[in-house]
Amino acid sequence: MRDSAEDERPRAYIVASPGITVTADEIREWVKKRVIRYKWITGGVVLIPEIPRNPVCHPPPTHAF
């Protein structure tokens, strides 16, 4: 059984602009400097090549990353 608190931890899905190199640690540090502690990305940072979209060009209602 999964822990419900684990399901509610903030997670970031990042698509870097072409030519930009970024790491998960850099993203976490950027967020720590700018937002209150309970909004820190404690659920992890996931770097993805593009945002998944359905045939109508909208993100799907539920992401299964």
Protein backbone atom coordinates (compact mmCIF):
# COMPACT_ATOMS: atom_id res chain seq x y z
CA MET A 1 0.00 0.00 0.00
CA ARG A 2 1.31 3.43 -0.89
CA ASP A 3 1.72 6.19 1.66
CA SER A 4 -0.82 8.96 1.00
CA ALA A 5 1.67 11.63 2.15
CA GLU A 6 4.07 10.35 -0.53
CA ASP A 7 1.42 10.99 -3.19
CA GLU A 8 1.12 14.65 -2.28
CA ARG A 9 4.77 15.68 -2.44
CA PRO A 10 5.47 18.38 -5.07
CA ARG A 11 7.18 17.08 -8.22
CA ALA A 12 8.44 19.06 -11.21
CA TYR A 13 8.37 17.88 -14.80
CA ILE A 14 10.85 20.00 -16.74
CA VAL A 15 11.27 20.44 -20.50
CA ALA A 16 14.48 22.38 -21.13
CA SER A 17 14.64 24.83 -24.00
CA PRO A 18 16.84 23.77 -26.94
CA GLY A 19 20.49 24.42 -26.19
CA ILE A 20 19.92 24.70 -22.43
CA THR A 21 21.46 22.16 -20.07
CA VAL A 22 19.92 21.90 -16.63
CA THR A 23 20.15 19.37 -13.81
CA ALA A 24 17.63 18.30 -11.21
CA ASP A 25 19.84 19.75 -8.46
CA GLU A 26 19.93 23.15 -10.17
CA ILE A 27 16.13 23.18 -10.37
CA ARG A 28 15.75 22.23 -6.69
CA GLU A 29 18.18 24.96 -5.62
CA TRP A 30 16.40 27.56 -7.78
CA VAL A 31 13.06 26.66 -6.16
CA LYS A 32 14.51 26.67 -2.61
CA LYS A 33 15.67 30.27 -3.08
CA ARG A 34 12.29 31.48 -4.33
CA VAL A 35 9.42 29.64 -2.64
CA ILE A 36 8.29 28.79 0.88
CA ARG A 37 9.55 25.49 2.32
CA TYR A 38 6.33 23.47 2.02
CA LYS A 39 6.38 24.11 -1.76
CA TRP A 40 9.91 22.79 -2.24
CA ILE A 41 10.17 19.99 -4.80
CA THR A 42 10.44 17.07 -2.39
CA GLY A 43 8.80 14.62 -4.80
CA GLY A 44 11.66 14.92 -7.27
CA VAL A 45 12.49 16.55 -10.57
CA VAL A 46 11.84 14.69 -13.81
CA LEU A 47 13.49 15.95 -16.99
CA ILE A 48 11.39 15.03 -20.04
CA PRO A 49 11.98 15.69 -23.77
CA GLU A 50 8.50 17.12 -24.42
CA ILE A 51 5.09 17.58 -22.80
CA PRO A 52 2.82 14.68 -23.75
CA ARG A 53 -0.25 15.83 -25.68
CA ASN A 54 -3.38 14.18 -26.98
CA PRO A 55 -4.57 14.53 -30.64
CA VAL A 56 -6.23 17.89 -29.89
CA CYS A 57 -2.89 19.31 -28.65
CA HIS A 58 -3.92 19.45 -24.99
CA PRO A 59 -2.06 17.71 -22.19
CA PRO A 60 -3.91 14.56 -21.16
CA PRO A 61 -6.06 14.93 -18.01
CA THR A 62 -3.92 12.48 -16.04
CA HIS A 63 -0.21 12.06 -16.62
CA ALA A 64 1.32 8.62 -16.15
CA PHE A 65 4.97 9.66 -15.96
